[in-house]
Amino acid sequence: MLTRIVKMTFREDAVEDFLKLFEEVKEKIRAVDGCQHMELLRQKGQPQVMFTLSLWDDEAALNRYRDSELFAGTWKRTKALFAGKPLAWSLERIDPPSGQ
């Protein structure tokens, strides 16, 4: 299992546009083969800073998504709304809770 976290900082005037875009694509992303979970988080006290947290079967599954038309179109529209450079981390689970 691979955990992917992406931090995005949006222009204040673009936050609502991003939220609309996310509503359009979230179920499509969640339905991608190999995606086990995907959610949007907002930094408390900074509404223009958001994170996606997604769980993937493995790095190959994430890369298939990143090579897809869905990702290319979504990322192009999202990048246009940024106030700063996004940050991303791919993480491996070392000690998951029991039963997972």
N, C-alpha and C. Protein backbone atom coordinates (compact mmCIF):
# COMPACT_ATOMS: atom_id res chain seq x y z
N MET A 1 0.85 -1.18 0.00
CA MET A 1 0.00 0.00 0.00
C MET A 1 0.89 1.24 0.00
N LEU A 2 0.50 2.22 -0.80
CA LEU A 2 1.23 3.48 -0.91
C LEU A 2 0.28 4.61 -0.51
N THR A 3 0.75 5.47 0.37
CA THR A 3 -0.02 6.66 0.77
C THR A 3 0.58 7.86 0.06
N ARG A 4 -0.27 8.65 -0.55
CA ARG A 4 0.17 9.84 -1.27
C ARG A 4 -0.51 11.05 -0.65
N ILE A 5 0.30 12.05 -0.28
CA ILE A 5 -0.21 13.31 0.26
C ILE A 5 0.28 14.43 -0.64
N VAL A 6 -0.64 15.27 -1.08
CA VAL A 6 -0.29 16.42 -1.91
C VAL A 6 -0.82 17.67 -1.23
N LYS A 7 0.08 18.62 -0.97
CA LYS A 7 -0.29 19.90 -0.37
C LYS A 7 -0.39 20.94 -1.48
N MET A 8 -1.53 21.64 -1.50
CA MET A 8 -1.77 22.65 -2.54
C MET A 8 -2.20 23.95 -1.88
N THR A 9 -1.58 25.04 -2.30
CA THR A 9 -1.95 26.36 -1.81
C THR A 9 -2.57 27.12 -2.98
N PHE A 10 -3.80 27.54 -2.80
CA PHE A 10 -4.55 28.20 -3.86
C PHE A 10 -4.62 29.70 -3.64
N ARG A 11 -4.79 30.42 -4.75
CA ARG A 11 -5.11 31.84 -4.64
C ARG A 11 -6.45 31.94 -3.91
N GLU A 12 -6.60 32.93 -3.08
CA GLU A 12 -7.85 33.08 -2.31
C GLU A 12 -9.07 33.14 -3.22
N ASP A 13 -8.92 33.81 -4.38
CA ASP A 13 -10.04 33.94 -5.30
C ASP A 13 -10.33 32.65 -6.08
N ALA A 14 -9.49 31.62 -5.92
CA ALA A 14 -9.63 30.39 -6.69
C ALA A 14 -10.12 29.20 -5.86
N VAL A 15 -10.27 29.39 -4.56
CA VAL A 15 -10.65 28.28 -3.68
C VAL A 15 -11.98 27.66 -4.11
N GLU A 16 -12.98 28.47 -4.35
CA GLU A 16 -14.30 27.94 -4.75
C GLU A 16 -14.22 27.23 -6.10
N ASP A 17 -13.41 27.75 -7.02
CA ASP A 17 -13.24 27.08 -8.31
C ASP A 17 -12.63 25.70 -8.12
N PHE A 18 -11.66 25.60 -7.23
CA PHE A 18 -11.06 24.29 -6.99
C PHE A 18 -12.08 23.33 -6.37
N LEU A 19 -12.84 23.81 -5.41
CA LEU A 19 -13.83 22.94 -4.76
C LEU A 19 -14.86 22.43 -5.77
N LYS A 20 -15.25 23.25 -6.72
CA LYS A 20 -16.17 22.82 -7.78
C LYS A 20 -15.50 21.76 -8.66
N LEU A 21 -14.25 22.00 -9.02
CA LEU A 21 -13.50 21.02 -9.82
C LEU A 21 -13.38 19.70 -9.06
N PHE A 22 -13.07 19.75 -7.79
CA PHE A 22 -12.94 18.54 -7.00
C PHE A 22 -14.25 17.75 -7.00
N GLU A 23 -15.37 18.45 -6.87
CA GLU A 23 -16.67 17.78 -6.90
C GLU A 23 -16.89 17.06 -8.23
N GLU A 24 -16.42 17.65 -9.32
CA GLU A 24 -16.57 17.06 -10.65
C GLU A 24 -15.79 15.76 -10.80
N VAL A 25 -14.60 15.70 -10.20
CA VAL A 25 -13.68 14.59 -10.50
C VAL A 25 -13.49 13.58 -9.38
N LYS A 26 -13.93 13.88 -8.18
CA LYS A 26 -13.57 13.03 -7.04
C LYS A 26 -14.02 11.59 -7.21
N GLU A 27 -15.22 11.34 -7.68
CA GLU A 27 -15.68 9.96 -7.81
C GLU A 27 -14.96 9.23 -8.94
N LYS A 28 -14.58 9.97 -9.98
CA LYS A 28 -13.80 9.37 -11.08
C LYS A 28 -12.43 8.92 -10.57
N ILE A 29 -11.80 9.76 -9.75
CA ILE A 29 -10.49 9.41 -9.20
C ILE A 29 -10.62 8.22 -8.26
N ARG A 30 -11.63 8.25 -7.41
CA ARG A 30 -11.84 7.15 -6.47
C ARG A 30 -12.11 5.83 -7.18
N ALA A 31 -12.63 5.90 -8.40
CA ALA A 31 -12.95 4.69 -9.17
C ALA A 31 -11.77 4.16 -9.97
N VAL A 32 -10.66 4.87 -9.98
CA VAL A 32 -9.48 4.42 -10.73
C VAL A 32 -8.99 3.10 -10.14
N ASP A 33 -8.67 2.17 -11.02
CA ASP A 33 -8.15 0.87 -10.58
C ASP A 33 -6.90 1.08 -9.74
N GLY A 34 -6.90 0.55 -8.55
CA GLY A 34 -5.75 0.65 -7.65
C GLY A 34 -5.87 1.74 -6.61
N CYS A 35 -6.88 2.63 -6.74
CA CYS A 35 -7.12 3.66 -5.73
C CYS A 35 -8.02 3.07 -4.66
N GLN A 36 -7.53 3.00 -3.44
CA GLN A 36 -8.30 2.44 -2.33
C GLN A 36 -9.04 3.51 -1.54
N HIS A 37 -8.56 4.75 -1.61
CA HIS A 37 -9.14 5.83 -0.80
C HIS A 37 -8.58 7.15 -1.32
N MET A 38 -9.42 8.19 -1.31
CA MET A 38 -8.96 9.53 -1.66
C MET A 38 -9.87 10.52 -0.96
N GLU A 39 -9.27 11.48 -0.26
CA GLU A 39 -10.05 12.50 0.43
C GLU A 39 -9.36 13.84 0.34
N LEU A 40 -10.15 14.89 0.54
CA LEU A 40 -9.64 16.26 0.52
C LEU A 40 -9.67 16.79 1.94
N LEU A 41 -8.59 17.42 2.35
CA LEU A 41 -8.46 18.01 3.68
C LEU A 41 -8.10 19.48 3.53
N ARG A 42 -8.50 20.27 4.51
CA ARG A 42 -8.17 21.71 4.51
C ARG A 42 -7.41 22.02 5.78
N GLN A 43 -6.38 22.87 5.66
CA GLN A 43 -5.63 23.26 6.84
C GLN A 43 -6.47 24.21 7.68
N LYS A 44 -6.61 23.87 8.94
CA LYS A 44 -7.42 24.67 9.86
C LYS A 44 -6.84 26.08 9.94
N GLY A 45 -7.70 27.07 9.76
CA GLY A 45 -7.27 28.46 9.86
C GLY A 45 -6.67 29.01 8.59
N GLN A 46 -6.47 28.16 7.57
CA GLN A 46 -5.92 28.61 6.28
C GLN A 46 -6.74 27.96 5.17
N PRO A 47 -7.90 28.51 4.85
CA PRO A 47 -8.81 27.85 3.91
C PRO A 47 -8.27 27.70 2.49
N GLN A 48 -7.20 28.40 2.16
CA GLN A 48 -6.64 28.28 0.83
C GLN A 48 -5.60 27.16 0.73
N VAL A 49 -5.28 26.50 1.85
CA VAL A 49 -4.30 25.41 1.87
C VAL A 49 -5.07 24.09 2.02
N MET A 50 -4.92 23.23 1.01
CA MET A 50 -5.63 21.96 1.02
C MET A 50 -4.67 20.82 0.72
N PHE A 51 -5.08 19.64 1.12
CA PHE A 51 -4.30 18.44 0.91
C PHE A 51 -5.20 17.36 0.32
N THR A 52 -4.66 16.56 -0.57
CA THR A 52 -5.33 15.31 -0.90
C THR A 52 -4.54 14.20 -0.23
N LEU A 53 -5.26 13.25 0.31
CA LEU A 53 -4.67 12.07 0.92
C LEU A 53 -5.26 10.88 0.17
N SER A 54 -4.42 10.10 -0.47
CA SER A 54 -4.92 8.96 -1.22
C SER A 54 -4.11 7.72 -0.89
N LEU A 55 -4.79 6.58 -0.98
CA LEU A 55 -4.16 5.28 -0.74
C LEU A 55 -4.24 4.49 -2.03
N TRP A 56 -3.10 3.92 -2.43
CA TRP A 56 -2.98 3.19 -3.69
C TRP A 56 -2.46 1.79 -3.42
N ASP A 57 -2.86 0.85 -4.26
CA ASP A 57 -2.37 -0.53 -4.11
C ASP A 57 -0.85 -0.56 -4.07
N ASP A 58 -0.23 0.22 -4.97
CA ASP A 58 1.23 0.26 -5.06
C ASP A 58 1.62 1.45 -5.95
N GLU A 59 2.91 1.65 -6.11
CA GLU A 59 3.39 2.77 -6.90
C GLU A 59 2.98 2.65 -8.36
N ALA A 60 2.90 1.43 -8.86
CA ALA A 60 2.48 1.22 -10.25
C ALA A 60 1.05 1.73 -10.47
N ALA A 61 0.16 1.49 -9.51
CA ALA A 61 -1.22 1.96 -9.62
C ALA A 61 -1.26 3.49 -9.64
N LEU A 62 -0.50 4.12 -8.76
CA LEU A 62 -0.43 5.58 -8.73
C LEU A 62 0.11 6.10 -10.06
N ASN A 63 1.15 5.47 -10.57
CA ASN A 63 1.73 5.92 -11.83
C ASN A 63 0.78 5.74 -13.01
N ARG A 64 -0.01 4.69 -13.01
CA ARG A 64 -1.01 4.52 -14.08
C ARG A 64 -2.00 5.68 -14.04
N TYR A 65 -2.44 6.06 -12.84
CA TYR A 65 -3.32 7.21 -12.71
C TYR A 65 -2.62 8.49 -13.18
N ARG A 66 -1.40 8.68 -12.77
CA ARG A 66 -0.66 9.89 -13.14
C ARG A 66 -0.40 9.99 -14.64
N ASP A 67 -0.43 8.85 -15.33
CA ASP A 67 -0.25 8.82 -16.78
C ASP A 67 -1.58 8.89 -17.55
N SER A 68 -2.69 9.02 -16.82
CA SER A 68 -4.01 8.99 -17.45
C SER A 68 -4.46 10.36 -17.94
N GLU A 69 -5.44 10.34 -18.85
CA GLU A 69 -6.05 11.59 -19.32
C GLU A 69 -6.80 12.29 -18.18
N LEU A 70 -7.40 11.50 -17.29
CA LEU A 70 -8.11 12.08 -16.15
C LEU A 70 -7.17 12.94 -15.32
N PHE A 71 -5.99 12.39 -14.99
CA PHE A 71 -5.02 13.17 -14.21
C PHE A 71 -4.55 14.39 -14.99
N ALA A 72 -4.19 14.20 -16.26
CA ALA A 72 -3.64 15.31 -17.05
C ALA A 72 -4.63 16.48 -17.10
N GLY A 73 -5.89 16.19 -17.37
CA GLY A 73 -6.88 17.26 -17.45
C GLY A 73 -7.16 17.91 -16.12
N THR A 74 -7.26 17.09 -15.08
CA THR A 74 -7.53 17.61 -13.74
C THR A 74 -6.36 18.45 -13.24
N TRP A 75 -5.15 17.94 -13.43
CA TRP A 75 -3.97 18.65 -12.93
C TRP A 75 -3.77 19.97 -13.66
N LYS A 76 -4.03 19.99 -14.97
CA LYS A 76 -3.90 21.23 -15.74
C LYS A 76 -4.85 22.30 -15.20
N ARG A 77 -6.09 21.92 -14.94
CA ARG A 77 -7.07 22.87 -14.41
C ARG A 77 -6.71 23.29 -12.98
N THR A 78 -6.19 22.36 -12.19
CA THR A 78 -5.84 22.66 -10.80
C THR A 78 -4.63 23.59 -10.73
N LYS A 79 -3.60 23.32 -11.52
CA LYS A 79 -2.38 24.14 -11.49
C LYS A 79 -2.66 25.60 -11.77
N ALA A 80 -3.65 25.87 -12.59
CA ALA A 80 -3.97 27.26 -12.94
C ALA A 80 -4.50 28.05 -11.74
N LEU A 81 -4.86 27.35 -10.67
CA LEU A 81 -5.46 28.00 -9.50
C LEU A 81 -4.46 28.20 -8.35
N PHE A 82 -3.26 27.69 -8.50
CA PHE A 82 -2.27 27.71 -7.41
C PHE A 82 -1.74 29.11 -7.12
N ALA A 83 -1.45 29.33 -5.84
CA ALA A 83 -0.74 30.53 -5.40
C ALA A 83 0.74 30.21 -5.16
N GLY A 84 1.05 28.94 -5.03
CA GLY A 84 2.42 28.51 -4.77
C GLY A 84 2.63 27.11 -5.32
N LYS A 85 3.86 26.67 -5.26
CA LYS A 85 4.21 25.36 -5.78
C LYS A 85 3.64 24.26 -4.88
N PRO A 86 3.03 23.24 -5.47
CA PRO A 86 2.51 22.13 -4.65
C PRO A 86 3.65 21.28 -4.11
N LEU A 87 3.39 20.60 -3.04
CA LEU A 87 4.34 19.65 -2.45
C LEU A 87 3.67 18.29 -2.39
N ALA A 88 4.44 17.24 -2.64
CA ALA A 88 3.86 15.89 -2.63
C ALA A 88 4.81 14.92 -1.96
N TRP A 89 4.21 13.95 -1.28
CA TRP A 89 4.95 12.90 -0.62
C TRP A 89 4.31 11.56 -0.93
N SER A 90 5.13 10.56 -1.21
CA SER A 90 4.68 9.18 -1.33
C SER A 90 5.26 8.43 -0.14
N LEU A 91 4.39 7.81 0.63
CA LEU A 91 4.79 7.21 1.91
C LEU A 91 4.45 5.73 1.94
N GLU A 92 5.33 4.96 2.57
CA GLU A 92 5.08 3.54 2.81
C GLU A 92 4.67 3.35 4.25
N ARG A 93 3.76 2.43 4.48
CA ARG A 93 3.37 2.11 5.85
C ARG A 93 4.44 1.22 6.48
N ILE A 94 4.90 1.59 7.64
CA ILE A 94 5.89 0.79 8.35
C ILE A 94 5.23 -0.02 9.45
N ASP A 95 4.31 0.59 10.17
CA ASP A 95 3.69 -0.08 11.30
C ASP A 95 2.19 0.25 11.31
N PRO A 96 1.40 -0.36 10.41
CA PRO A 96 -0.03 -0.06 10.38
C PRO A 96 -0.74 -0.63 11.61
N PRO A 97 -1.89 -0.03 11.97
CA PRO A 97 -2.67 -0.55 13.09
C PRO A 97 -3.08 -2.01 12.84
N SER A 98 -3.34 -2.74 13.89
CA SER A 98 -3.76 -4.14 13.76
C SER A 98 -4.98 -4.25 12.87
N GLY A 99 -5.01 -5.30 12.07
CA GLY A 99 -6.14 -5.55 11.20
C GLY A 99 -6.11 -4.81 9.89
N GLN A 100 -5.05 -4.08 9.61
CA GLN A 100 -4.99 -3.36 8.33
C GLN A 100 -3.81 -3.81 7.51
